């Protein structure tokens, strides 16, 4: 049986578009949310592949970032999200709440910012070369291996969002993290094979 707090985490507010927007949004695995301001109910980790040409265009016109992250045709949004497991994935990969060394530290967090506020700060990006490096670093780490690093005591001490890791149902919590990690890992491998760049953002 799924622990109550994890149920609330999974069913809580799903998405907030940038401040002062009014946009209905339904990417993969999320309900519609219509907002007029940023909500503080939840923080969702998102990833979106873009072509090198798109990245170049965004550097020339940063407004394109928001238009790309929040398109009018939401049903065709090609990105993924890991719900609220993003910081846990980062922590289990590198052992640090926010930073870290090497390509693994760039998989979920970090990198240069681009564009305006995407929800909780601007998006960050990785070049196609960095995406290949991250994919190569993620490939040998299976979801099972990542799950073996689960340490609820350390995660609570480091205040890893959303701070539910001391619940009794450890197996369910590990599954929550590793399912998200598998999506990220597969998405990076796909992006690397296509020669794409990556946008990462929390909203």
N, C-alpha and C. Protein backbone atom coordinates (compact mmCIF):
# COMPACT_ATOMS: atom_id res chain seq x y z
N UNK A 1 0.85 -1.20 0.00
CA UNK A 1 0.00 0.00 0.00
C UNK A 1 0.88 1.24 0.00
N UNK A 2 0.57 2.20 -0.84
CA UNK A 2 1.40 3.40 -0.97
C UNK A 2 1.27 4.27 0.27
N UNK A 3 2.41 4.80 0.74
CA UNK A 3 2.38 5.62 1.95
C UNK A 3 1.59 6.90 1.70
N UNK A 4 0.85 7.41 2.72
CA UNK A 4 -0.03 8.56 2.53
C UNK A 4 0.69 9.80 2.03
N UNK A 5 1.88 10.09 2.56
CA UNK A 5 2.56 11.31 2.15
C UNK A 5 2.99 11.24 0.69
N UNK A 6 3.41 10.06 0.24
CA UNK A 6 3.80 9.92 -1.16
C UNK A 6 2.58 10.06 -2.06
N UNK A 7 1.43 9.56 -1.60
CA UNK A 7 0.20 9.75 -2.37
C UNK A 7 -0.08 11.23 -2.53
N UNK A 8 0.08 12.01 -1.47
CA UNK A 8 -0.17 13.44 -1.55
C UNK A 8 0.85 14.12 -2.44
N UNK A 9 2.10 13.67 -2.36
CA UNK A 9 3.13 14.25 -3.20
C UNK A 9 2.78 14.03 -4.67
N UNK A 10 2.33 12.82 -5.01
CA UNK A 10 2.04 12.51 -6.41
C UNK A 10 0.78 13.19 -6.91
N UNK A 11 -0.15 13.50 -6.00
CA UNK A 11 -1.43 14.05 -6.44
C UNK A 11 -1.55 15.53 -6.18
N UNK A 12 -0.48 16.16 -5.71
CA UNK A 12 -0.54 17.58 -5.40
C UNK A 12 -0.51 18.43 -6.65
N UNK A 13 -0.36 19.76 -6.46
CA UNK A 13 -0.33 20.66 -7.61
C UNK A 13 0.76 20.26 -8.57
N UNK A 14 0.43 20.17 -9.85
CA UNK A 14 1.35 19.57 -10.81
C UNK A 14 2.20 20.55 -11.58
N UNK A 15 1.68 21.67 -11.92
CA UNK A 15 2.50 22.51 -12.77
C UNK A 15 2.15 23.96 -12.59
N UNK A 16 3.15 24.83 -12.59
CA UNK A 16 2.89 26.26 -12.62
C UNK A 16 3.65 26.85 -13.77
N UNK A 17 2.97 27.56 -14.64
CA UNK A 17 3.63 28.27 -15.72
C UNK A 17 4.29 29.50 -15.14
N UNK A 18 5.08 30.26 -15.93
CA UNK A 18 5.77 31.40 -15.39
C UNK A 18 4.83 32.42 -14.79
N UNK A 19 5.38 33.32 -13.97
CA UNK A 19 4.59 34.30 -13.25
C UNK A 19 3.72 35.10 -14.20
N UNK A 20 2.52 35.42 -13.72
CA UNK A 20 1.55 36.27 -14.42
C UNK A 20 1.03 35.65 -15.70
N UNK A 21 1.16 34.36 -15.87
CA UNK A 21 0.65 33.72 -17.07
C UNK A 21 -0.79 33.28 -16.84
N UNK A 22 -1.47 33.00 -17.90
CA UNK A 22 -2.78 32.36 -17.83
C UNK A 22 -2.81 31.31 -18.92
N UNK A 23 -2.42 30.12 -18.57
CA UNK A 23 -2.20 29.09 -19.58
C UNK A 23 -2.59 27.73 -19.04
N UNK A 24 -3.38 27.01 -19.78
CA UNK A 24 -3.73 25.65 -19.39
C UNK A 24 -2.65 24.72 -19.89
N UNK A 25 -2.18 23.84 -19.01
CA UNK A 25 -0.97 23.06 -19.32
C UNK A 25 -1.20 21.61 -18.95
N UNK A 26 -0.91 20.71 -19.85
CA UNK A 26 -1.05 19.29 -19.54
C UNK A 26 0.01 18.48 -20.23
N UNK A 27 1.27 18.53 -19.76
CA UNK A 27 2.24 17.60 -20.29
C UNK A 27 2.02 16.20 -19.72
N UNK A 28 2.91 15.33 -20.08
CA UNK A 28 2.79 13.93 -19.72
C UNK A 28 2.58 13.75 -18.22
N UNK A 29 1.59 12.92 -17.87
CA UNK A 29 1.32 12.52 -16.50
C UNK A 29 0.84 13.65 -15.62
N UNK A 30 0.31 14.74 -16.17
CA UNK A 30 -0.16 15.81 -15.33
C UNK A 30 -1.55 16.27 -15.67
N UNK A 31 -2.23 16.81 -14.69
CA UNK A 31 -3.55 17.35 -14.92
C UNK A 31 -3.44 18.78 -15.41
N UNK A 32 -4.57 19.34 -15.88
CA UNK A 32 -4.61 20.74 -16.29
C UNK A 32 -4.47 21.64 -15.07
N UNK A 33 -3.68 22.68 -15.21
CA UNK A 33 -3.60 23.71 -14.19
C UNK A 33 -3.70 25.05 -14.89
N UNK A 34 -4.63 25.88 -14.48
CA UNK A 34 -4.71 27.23 -15.02
C UNK A 34 -4.25 28.18 -13.93
N UNK A 35 -3.26 28.99 -14.22
CA UNK A 35 -2.67 29.81 -13.17
C UNK A 35 -2.58 31.26 -13.59
N UNK A 36 -2.52 32.14 -12.59
CA UNK A 36 -2.24 33.55 -12.83
C UNK A 36 -0.97 33.97 -12.13
N UNK A 37 -0.42 33.10 -11.32
CA UNK A 37 0.83 33.40 -10.65
C UNK A 37 1.51 32.07 -10.32
N UNK A 38 2.77 32.13 -9.92
CA UNK A 38 3.51 30.92 -9.57
C UNK A 38 2.93 30.31 -8.30
N UNK A 39 2.68 29.02 -8.32
CA UNK A 39 2.21 28.36 -7.12
C UNK A 39 3.38 27.80 -6.34
N UNK A 40 3.25 27.70 -5.02
CA UNK A 40 4.30 27.13 -4.19
C UNK A 40 3.90 25.74 -3.71
N UNK A 41 2.87 25.17 -4.30
CA UNK A 41 2.38 23.86 -3.86
C UNK A 41 3.37 22.75 -4.18
N UNK A 42 4.08 22.86 -5.26
CA UNK A 42 4.96 21.77 -5.66
C UNK A 42 6.06 22.29 -6.56
N UNK A 43 7.10 21.49 -6.68
CA UNK A 43 8.21 21.81 -7.56
C UNK A 43 8.49 20.58 -8.40
N UNK A 44 8.24 20.69 -9.70
CA UNK A 44 8.34 19.57 -10.62
C UNK A 44 9.59 19.72 -11.48
N UNK A 45 10.39 18.67 -11.59
CA UNK A 45 11.58 18.70 -12.42
C UNK A 45 11.28 18.27 -13.84
N UNK A 46 11.69 19.10 -14.81
CA UNK A 46 11.36 18.88 -16.22
C UNK A 46 12.61 18.87 -17.09
N UNK A 47 12.50 18.15 -18.21
CA UNK A 47 13.59 18.04 -19.18
C UNK A 47 13.01 18.13 -20.57
N UNK A 48 13.69 18.87 -21.44
CA UNK A 48 13.21 19.01 -22.82
C UNK A 48 14.39 19.02 -23.78
N UNK A 49 14.41 18.05 -24.69
CA UNK A 49 15.41 18.05 -25.76
C UNK A 49 15.11 19.18 -26.74
N UNK A 50 16.16 19.83 -27.21
CA UNK A 50 16.03 20.80 -28.29
C UNK A 50 17.18 20.59 -29.26
N UNK A 51 16.99 21.01 -30.48
CA UNK A 51 18.04 20.87 -31.48
C UNK A 51 19.12 21.93 -31.27
N UNK A 52 20.32 21.72 -31.80
CA UNK A 52 21.34 22.76 -31.71
C UNK A 52 20.87 24.07 -32.32
N UNK A 53 20.08 23.99 -33.38
CA UNK A 53 19.57 25.20 -34.03
C UNK A 53 18.60 25.94 -33.11
N UNK A 54 17.78 25.20 -32.38
CA UNK A 54 16.88 25.84 -31.42
C UNK A 54 17.65 26.53 -30.31
N UNK A 55 18.70 25.87 -29.82
CA UNK A 55 19.51 26.48 -28.77
C UNK A 55 20.16 27.76 -29.25
N UNK A 56 20.69 27.74 -30.46
CA UNK A 56 21.30 28.94 -31.03
C UNK A 56 20.27 30.06 -31.14
N UNK A 57 19.07 29.72 -31.58
CA UNK A 57 18.01 30.73 -31.71
C UNK A 57 17.62 31.29 -30.35
N UNK A 58 17.63 30.47 -29.31
CA UNK A 58 17.28 30.93 -27.98
C UNK A 58 18.32 31.89 -27.42
N UNK A 59 19.57 31.65 -27.76
CA UNK A 59 20.61 32.60 -27.35
C UNK A 59 20.39 33.96 -28.02
N UNK A 60 19.95 33.93 -29.25
CA UNK A 60 19.69 35.18 -29.97
C UNK A 60 18.41 35.85 -29.50
N UNK A 61 17.42 35.06 -29.10
CA UNK A 61 16.12 35.58 -28.66
C UNK A 61 15.65 34.77 -27.46
N UNK A 62 16.04 35.16 -26.23
CA UNK A 62 15.70 34.38 -25.04
C UNK A 62 14.21 34.19 -24.81
N UNK A 63 13.37 35.05 -25.40
CA UNK A 63 11.92 34.88 -25.25
C UNK A 63 11.44 33.56 -25.84
N UNK A 64 12.22 32.98 -26.74
CA UNK A 64 11.85 31.70 -27.34
C UNK A 64 11.86 30.57 -26.32
N UNK A 65 12.60 30.75 -25.22
CA UNK A 65 12.65 29.69 -24.21
C UNK A 65 11.26 29.46 -23.63
N UNK A 66 10.63 30.53 -23.16
CA UNK A 66 9.29 30.40 -22.58
C UNK A 66 8.30 29.86 -23.59
N UNK A 67 8.38 30.33 -24.83
CA UNK A 67 7.47 29.85 -25.87
C UNK A 67 7.66 28.36 -26.13
N UNK A 68 8.89 27.90 -25.99
CA UNK A 68 9.17 26.48 -26.22
C UNK A 68 8.72 25.62 -25.04
N UNK A 69 8.94 26.13 -23.83
CA UNK A 69 8.56 25.36 -22.64
C UNK A 69 7.06 25.34 -22.42
N UNK A 70 6.39 26.38 -22.87
CA UNK A 70 4.94 26.50 -22.67
C UNK A 70 4.25 26.76 -24.00
N UNK A 71 4.26 25.79 -24.90
CA UNK A 71 3.66 25.99 -26.23
C UNK A 71 2.14 26.02 -26.16
N UNK A 72 1.53 26.58 -27.19
CA UNK A 72 0.07 26.61 -27.24
C UNK A 72 -0.50 25.20 -27.41
N UNK A 73 0.15 24.39 -28.21
CA UNK A 73 -0.31 23.02 -28.44
C UNK A 73 0.34 22.11 -27.41
N UNK A 74 -0.23 22.05 -26.22
CA UNK A 74 0.40 21.32 -25.13
C UNK A 74 0.43 19.82 -25.36
N UNK A 75 -0.47 19.30 -26.17
CA UNK A 75 -0.51 17.86 -26.40
C UNK A 75 0.70 17.37 -27.19
N UNK A 76 1.41 18.29 -27.82
CA UNK A 76 2.59 17.89 -28.60
C UNK A 76 3.89 18.20 -27.87
N UNK A 77 3.80 18.58 -26.60
CA UNK A 77 5.00 18.86 -25.82
C UNK A 77 5.83 17.57 -25.69
N UNK A 78 7.08 17.59 -26.14
CA UNK A 78 7.85 16.34 -26.20
C UNK A 78 8.72 16.07 -24.97
N UNK A 79 8.65 16.93 -23.96
CA UNK A 79 9.52 16.76 -22.82
C UNK A 79 9.03 15.73 -21.82
N UNK A 80 9.80 15.55 -20.76
CA UNK A 80 9.44 14.62 -19.68
C UNK A 80 9.53 15.36 -18.35
N UNK A 81 8.90 14.77 -17.33
CA UNK A 81 9.10 15.27 -15.97
C UNK A 81 9.33 14.09 -15.05
N UNK A 82 9.93 14.38 -13.90
CA UNK A 82 10.18 13.35 -12.89
C UNK A 82 9.42 13.67 -11.61
N UNK A 83 8.32 14.42 -11.75
CA UNK A 83 7.52 14.80 -10.62
C UNK A 83 8.44 15.49 -9.59
N UNK A 84 8.34 15.13 -8.33
CA UNK A 84 9.12 15.81 -7.29
C UNK A 84 10.36 15.02 -6.89
N UNK A 85 10.77 14.07 -7.72
CA UNK A 85 11.93 13.24 -7.40
C UNK A 85 13.24 13.82 -7.91
N UNK A 86 13.22 15.01 -8.49
CA UNK A 86 14.40 15.55 -9.17
C UNK A 86 15.60 15.72 -8.24
N UNK A 87 15.40 16.29 -7.03
CA UNK A 87 16.56 16.49 -6.16
C UNK A 87 17.06 15.17 -5.58
N UNK A 88 16.16 14.24 -5.34
CA UNK A 88 16.58 12.93 -4.86
C UNK A 88 17.44 12.22 -5.90
N UNK A 89 17.04 12.31 -7.17
CA UNK A 89 17.84 11.71 -8.23
C UNK A 89 19.23 12.34 -8.26
N UNK A 90 19.27 13.67 -8.22
CA UNK A 90 20.57 14.36 -8.23
C UNK A 90 21.42 13.92 -7.04
N UNK A 91 20.83 13.89 -5.85
CA UNK A 91 21.58 13.55 -4.64
C UNK A 91 22.13 12.12 -4.72
N UNK A 92 21.33 11.19 -5.18
CA UNK A 92 21.80 9.81 -5.26
C UNK A 92 22.85 9.61 -6.35
N UNK A 93 22.85 10.49 -7.34
CA UNK A 93 23.88 10.41 -8.38
C UNK A 93 25.21 10.95 -7.91
N UNK A 94 25.20 12.07 -7.17
CA UNK A 94 26.46 12.76 -6.88
C UNK A 94 26.77 12.92 -5.40
N UNK A 95 25.79 12.68 -4.51
CA UNK A 95 26.04 12.79 -3.08
C UNK A 95 26.03 14.20 -2.54
N UNK A 96 25.53 15.14 -3.30
CA UNK A 96 25.44 16.54 -2.87
C UNK A 96 24.04 17.05 -3.18
N UNK A 97 23.45 17.88 -2.31
CA UNK A 97 22.09 18.36 -2.56
C UNK A 97 21.93 19.19 -3.82
N UNK A 98 22.97 19.97 -4.17
CA UNK A 98 22.82 20.91 -5.29
C UNK A 98 23.96 20.85 -6.30
N UNK A 99 25.15 20.66 -5.85
CA UNK A 99 26.31 20.74 -6.75
C UNK A 99 26.83 19.35 -7.09
N UNK A 100 28.16 19.21 -7.15
CA UNK A 100 28.75 17.93 -7.51
C UNK A 100 29.78 18.11 -8.60
N UNK A 101 30.49 17.04 -8.90
CA UNK A 101 31.56 17.09 -9.89
C UNK A 101 31.23 16.20 -11.09
N UNK A 102 31.74 16.60 -12.25
CA UNK A 102 31.63 15.78 -13.44
C UNK A 102 30.27 15.86 -14.11
N UNK A 103 30.10 15.10 -15.18
CA UNK A 103 28.86 15.14 -15.96
C UNK A 103 27.61 14.78 -15.17
N UNK A 104 27.73 13.88 -14.18
CA UNK A 104 26.55 13.49 -13.42
C UNK A 104 25.92 14.67 -12.69
N UNK A 105 26.75 15.64 -12.31
CA UNK A 105 26.23 16.81 -11.61
C UNK A 105 25.41 17.71 -12.51
N UNK A 106 25.48 17.47 -13.82
CA UNK A 106 24.73 18.26 -14.79
C UNK A 106 23.45 17.57 -15.25
N UNK A 107 23.24 16.34 -14.84
CA UNK A 107 22.12 15.58 -15.37
C UNK A 107 20.77 16.18 -15.00
N UNK A 108 20.63 16.66 -13.78
CA UNK A 108 19.35 17.19 -13.29
C UNK A 108 19.44 18.67 -12.99
N UNK A 109 20.51 19.07 -12.32
CA UNK A 109 20.69 20.46 -11.91
C UNK A 109 21.94 21.03 -12.57
N UNK A 110 22.13 22.33 -12.35
CA UNK A 110 23.34 23.04 -12.78
C UNK A 110 23.39 23.28 -14.29
N UNK A 111 24.36 24.09 -14.68
CA UNK A 111 24.46 24.52 -16.07
C UNK A 111 24.11 25.98 -16.20
N UNK A 112 24.50 26.61 -17.30
CA UNK A 112 24.20 28.03 -17.52
C UNK A 112 22.70 28.26 -17.70
N UNK A 113 22.24 29.40 -17.20
CA UNK A 113 20.82 29.75 -17.32
C UNK A 113 20.53 30.35 -18.68
N UNK A 114 19.28 30.21 -19.10
CA UNK A 114 18.85 30.79 -20.37
C UNK A 114 17.38 31.17 -20.26
N UNK A 115 17.03 32.34 -20.78
CA UNK A 115 15.65 32.78 -20.78
C UNK A 115 15.21 33.37 -19.46
N UNK A 116 13.91 33.65 -19.37
CA UNK A 116 13.32 34.24 -18.17
C UNK A 116 12.88 33.15 -17.21
N UNK A 117 12.21 33.56 -16.14
CA UNK A 117 11.71 32.64 -15.14
C UNK A 117 10.83 31.57 -15.78
N UNK A 118 11.17 30.32 -15.52
CA UNK A 118 10.40 29.20 -16.08
C UNK A 118 9.49 28.57 -15.05
N UNK A 119 9.44 29.13 -13.87
CA UNK A 119 8.62 28.59 -12.79
C UNK A 119 9.29 28.84 -11.46
N UNK A 120 10.46 28.24 -11.26
CA UNK A 120 11.31 28.49 -10.10
C UNK A 120 12.70 28.85 -10.61
N UNK A 121 12.79 29.98 -11.25
CA UNK A 121 14.04 30.43 -11.83
C UNK A 121 14.12 30.06 -13.31
N UNK A 122 15.12 30.60 -13.99
CA UNK A 122 15.28 30.30 -15.42
C UNK A 122 15.65 28.84 -15.66
N UNK A 123 15.40 28.38 -16.86
CA UNK A 123 15.88 27.06 -17.27
C UNK A 123 17.40 27.09 -17.38
N UNK A 124 18.00 25.93 -17.26
CA UNK A 124 19.42 25.78 -17.58
C UNK A 124 19.52 24.89 -18.82
N UNK A 125 20.67 24.94 -19.47
CA UNK A 125 20.81 24.17 -20.71
C UNK A 125 22.13 23.43 -20.74
N UNK A 126 22.15 22.37 -21.54
CA UNK A 126 23.37 21.64 -21.85
C UNK A 126 23.54 21.61 -23.36
N UNK A 127 24.75 21.76 -23.82
CA UNK A 127 25.04 21.66 -25.24
C UNK A 127 24.97 20.20 -25.68
N UNK A 128 24.91 19.94 -26.97
CA UNK A 128 24.92 18.54 -27.43
C UNK A 128 26.13 17.76 -26.92
N UNK A 129 27.28 18.41 -26.84
CA UNK A 129 28.48 17.73 -26.33
C UNK A 129 28.30 17.36 -24.86
N UNK A 130 27.74 18.28 -24.07
CA UNK A 130 27.51 17.99 -22.66
C UNK A 130 26.45 16.91 -22.48
N UNK A 131 25.44 16.92 -23.33
CA UNK A 131 24.42 15.87 -23.28
C UNK A 131 25.05 14.50 -23.52
N UNK A 132 25.95 14.42 -24.48
CA UNK A 132 26.63 13.14 -24.74
C UNK A 132 27.44 12.70 -23.52
N UNK A 133 28.11 13.65 -22.87
CA UNK A 133 28.90 13.32 -21.68
C UNK A 133 28.00 12.83 -20.55
N UNK A 134 26.87 13.51 -20.36
CA UNK A 134 25.94 13.10 -19.31
C UNK A 134 25.37 11.72 -19.62
N UNK A 135 24.97 11.51 -20.86
CA UNK A 135 24.41 10.21 -21.25
C UNK A 135 25.41 9.08 -21.01
N UNK A 136 26.67 9.34 -21.35
CA UNK A 136 27.70 8.32 -21.16
C UNK A 136 27.91 8.02 -19.68
N UNK A 137 27.75 9.04 -18.83
CA UNK A 137 27.91 8.85 -17.39
C UNK A 137 26.71 8.13 -16.78
N UNK A 138 25.52 8.38 -17.32
CA UNK A 138 24.31 7.76 -16.79
C UNK A 138 24.14 6.31 -17.25
N UNK A 139 24.60 6.01 -18.45
CA UNK A 139 24.32 4.71 -19.05
C UNK A 139 24.69 3.52 -18.17
N UNK A 140 25.88 3.51 -17.53
CA UNK A 140 26.23 2.33 -16.73
C UNK A 140 25.53 2.26 -15.38
N UNK A 141 24.82 3.31 -14.99
CA UNK A 141 24.13 3.33 -13.69
C UNK A 141 22.68 2.90 -13.90
N UNK A 142 22.36 1.69 -13.52
CA UNK A 142 21.00 1.20 -13.70
C UNK A 142 20.09 1.77 -12.62
N UNK A 143 18.78 1.75 -12.85
CA UNK A 143 17.86 2.18 -11.79
C UNK A 143 18.05 1.37 -10.50
N UNK A 144 18.32 0.08 -10.64
CA UNK A 144 18.53 -0.75 -9.46
C UNK A 144 19.75 -0.29 -8.67
N UNK A 145 20.82 0.04 -9.38
CA UNK A 145 22.02 0.52 -8.70
C UNK A 145 21.77 1.85 -8.01
N UNK A 146 21.03 2.74 -8.66
CA UNK A 146 20.71 4.01 -8.02
C UNK A 146 19.88 3.78 -6.76
N UNK A 147 18.92 2.87 -6.85
CA UNK A 147 18.07 2.58 -5.70
C UNK A 147 18.86 2.05 -4.51
N UNK A 148 19.96 1.35 -4.77
CA UNK A 148 20.78 0.83 -3.69
C UNK A 148 21.47 1.94 -2.90
N UNK A 149 21.52 3.13 -3.47
CA UNK A 149 22.14 4.27 -2.79
C UNK A 149 21.16 5.00 -1.87
N UNK A 150 19.92 4.59 -1.88
CA UNK A 150 18.89 5.26 -1.09
C UNK A 150 19.28 5.27 0.38
N UNK A 151 19.33 6.47 0.96
CA UNK A 151 19.74 6.65 2.36
C UNK A 151 18.81 7.67 2.99
N UNK A 152 17.70 7.23 3.56
CA UNK A 152 16.71 8.18 4.08
C UNK A 152 17.26 9.10 5.16
N UNK A 153 18.16 8.59 5.99
CA UNK A 153 18.72 9.43 7.05
C UNK A 153 19.50 10.59 6.46
N UNK A 154 20.38 10.29 5.50
CA UNK A 154 21.17 11.35 4.86
C UNK A 154 20.28 12.29 4.07
N UNK A 155 19.27 11.76 3.41
CA UNK A 155 18.41 12.59 2.58
C UNK A 155 17.57 13.55 3.43
N UNK A 156 17.11 13.08 4.57
CA UNK A 156 16.37 13.98 5.47
C UNK A 156 17.31 15.00 6.10
N UNK A 157 18.51 14.58 6.45
CA UNK A 157 19.48 15.51 7.05
C UNK A 157 19.85 16.62 6.07
N UNK A 158 19.91 16.29 4.78
CA UNK A 158 20.24 17.27 3.75
C UNK A 158 19.00 18.00 3.22
N UNK A 159 17.84 17.70 3.79
CA UNK A 159 16.58 18.33 3.40
C UNK A 159 16.30 18.16 1.89
N UNK A 160 16.49 16.95 1.42
CA UNK A 160 16.24 16.67 0.01
C UNK A 160 14.73 16.73 -0.26
N UNK A 161 14.37 17.61 -1.17
CA UNK A 161 12.96 17.81 -1.51
C UNK A 161 12.35 16.52 -2.05
N UNK A 162 11.12 16.19 -1.68
CA UNK A 162 10.17 16.91 -0.83
C UNK A 162 10.15 16.45 0.63
N UNK A 163 11.27 15.93 1.11
CA UNK A 163 11.45 15.56 2.52
C UNK A 163 10.39 14.56 3.00
N UNK A 164 10.26 13.48 2.26
CA UNK A 164 9.34 12.40 2.64
C UNK A 164 10.09 11.10 2.88
N UNK A 165 11.41 11.15 2.91
CA UNK A 165 12.23 9.94 2.80
C UNK A 165 12.30 9.11 4.07
N UNK A 166 11.74 9.60 5.17
CA UNK A 166 11.74 8.83 6.40
C UNK A 166 10.42 8.07 6.60
N UNK A 167 9.60 7.99 5.56
CA UNK A 167 8.36 7.21 5.65
C UNK A 167 8.68 5.72 5.75
N UNK A 168 7.71 4.96 6.21
CA UNK A 168 7.93 3.53 6.45
C UNK A 168 8.10 2.72 5.17
N UNK A 169 7.40 3.10 4.12
CA UNK A 169 7.40 2.29 2.91
C UNK A 169 8.61 2.62 2.04
N UNK A 170 9.77 2.13 2.43
CA UNK A 170 11.01 2.43 1.73
C UNK A 170 10.98 1.91 0.30
N UNK A 171 10.40 0.74 0.09
CA UNK A 171 10.35 0.17 -1.25
C UNK A 171 9.58 1.08 -2.21
N UNK A 172 8.48 1.64 -1.73
CA UNK A 172 7.68 2.53 -2.57
C UNK A 172 8.45 3.81 -2.89
N UNK A 173 9.17 4.33 -1.92
CA UNK A 173 9.95 5.55 -2.13
C UNK A 173 11.07 5.31 -3.14
N UNK A 174 11.75 4.18 -3.02
CA UNK A 174 12.81 3.86 -3.97
C UNK A 174 12.24 3.73 -5.38
N UNK A 175 11.08 3.10 -5.50
CA UNK A 175 10.45 2.95 -6.81
C UNK A 175 10.10 4.32 -7.39
N UNK A 176 9.62 5.22 -6.54
CA UNK A 176 9.28 6.58 -6.97
C UNK A 176 10.50 7.27 -7.59
N UNK A 177 11.65 7.12 -6.96
CA UNK A 177 12.88 7.75 -7.45
C UNK A 177 13.38 7.05 -8.70
N UNK A 178 13.45 5.73 -8.66
CA UNK A 178 14.07 5.01 -9.77
C UNK A 178 13.23 5.04 -11.04
N UNK A 179 11.92 5.13 -10.91
CA UNK A 179 11.09 5.29 -12.11
C UNK A 179 11.41 6.61 -12.80
N UNK A 180 11.56 7.67 -12.00
CA UNK A 180 11.93 8.96 -12.57
C UNK A 180 13.32 8.91 -13.18
N UNK A 181 14.24 8.26 -12.48
CA UNK A 181 15.60 8.16 -13.00
C UNK A 181 15.65 7.43 -14.33
N UNK A 182 14.88 6.34 -14.45
CA UNK A 182 14.88 5.59 -15.70
C UNK A 182 14.42 6.47 -16.86
N UNK A 183 13.42 7.32 -16.61
CA UNK A 183 12.97 8.24 -17.66
C UNK A 183 14.08 9.21 -18.05
N UNK A 184 14.76 9.77 -17.06
CA UNK A 184 15.84 10.71 -17.33
C UNK A 184 16.96 10.03 -18.10
N UNK A 185 17.36 8.88 -17.64
CA UNK A 185 18.45 8.13 -18.28
C UNK A 185 18.12 7.83 -19.74
N UNK A 186 16.93 7.31 -19.99
CA UNK A 186 16.52 6.98 -21.36
C UNK A 186 16.43 8.23 -22.22
N UNK A 187 15.95 9.31 -21.63
CA UNK A 187 15.79 10.56 -22.38
C UNK A 187 17.13 11.13 -22.79
N UNK A 188 18.12 11.06 -21.89
CA UNK A 188 19.46 11.53 -22.24
C UNK A 188 20.10 10.66 -23.31
N UNK A 189 19.93 9.36 -23.21
CA UNK A 189 20.49 8.48 -24.24
C UNK A 189 19.87 8.77 -25.60
N UNK A 190 18.58 9.04 -25.61
CA UNK A 190 17.90 9.38 -26.85
C UNK A 190 18.40 10.71 -27.39
N UNK A 191 18.54 11.70 -26.50
CA UNK A 191 19.02 13.02 -26.93
C UNK A 191 20.44 12.94 -27.47
N UNK A 192 21.29 12.16 -26.82
CA UNK A 192 22.67 12.01 -27.28
C UNK A 192 22.72 11.37 -28.66
N UNK A 193 21.89 10.36 -28.87
CA UNK A 193 21.87 9.69 -30.17
C UNK A 193 21.41 10.62 -31.28
N UNK A 194 20.56 11.58 -30.94
CA UNK A 194 20.04 12.53 -31.93
C UNK A 194 20.91 13.78 -32.07
N UNK A 195 21.91 13.93 -31.20
CA UNK A 195 22.75 15.12 -31.25
C UNK A 195 22.05 16.36 -30.73
N UNK A 196 21.12 16.19 -29.80
CA UNK A 196 20.35 17.31 -29.28
C UNK A 196 20.96 17.93 -28.04
N UNK A 197 20.55 19.16 -27.78
CA UNK A 197 20.85 19.85 -26.53
C UNK A 197 19.72 19.55 -25.54
N UNK A 198 19.84 20.08 -24.31
CA UNK A 198 18.83 19.80 -23.29
C UNK A 198 18.52 21.06 -22.49
N UNK A 199 17.23 21.28 -22.25
CA UNK A 199 16.78 22.29 -21.30
C UNK A 199 16.30 21.57 -20.05
N UNK A 200 16.61 22.14 -18.88
CA UNK A 200 16.18 21.59 -17.60
C UNK A 200 15.56 22.73 -16.80
N UNK A 201 14.46 22.45 -16.14
CA UNK A 201 13.82 23.52 -15.36
C UNK A 201 12.90 22.92 -14.32
N UNK A 202 12.65 23.70 -13.28
CA UNK A 202 11.74 23.31 -12.20
C UNK A 202 10.58 24.28 -12.20
N UNK A 203 9.37 23.75 -12.14
CA UNK A 203 8.21 24.64 -12.07
C UNK A 203 7.16 24.07 -11.13
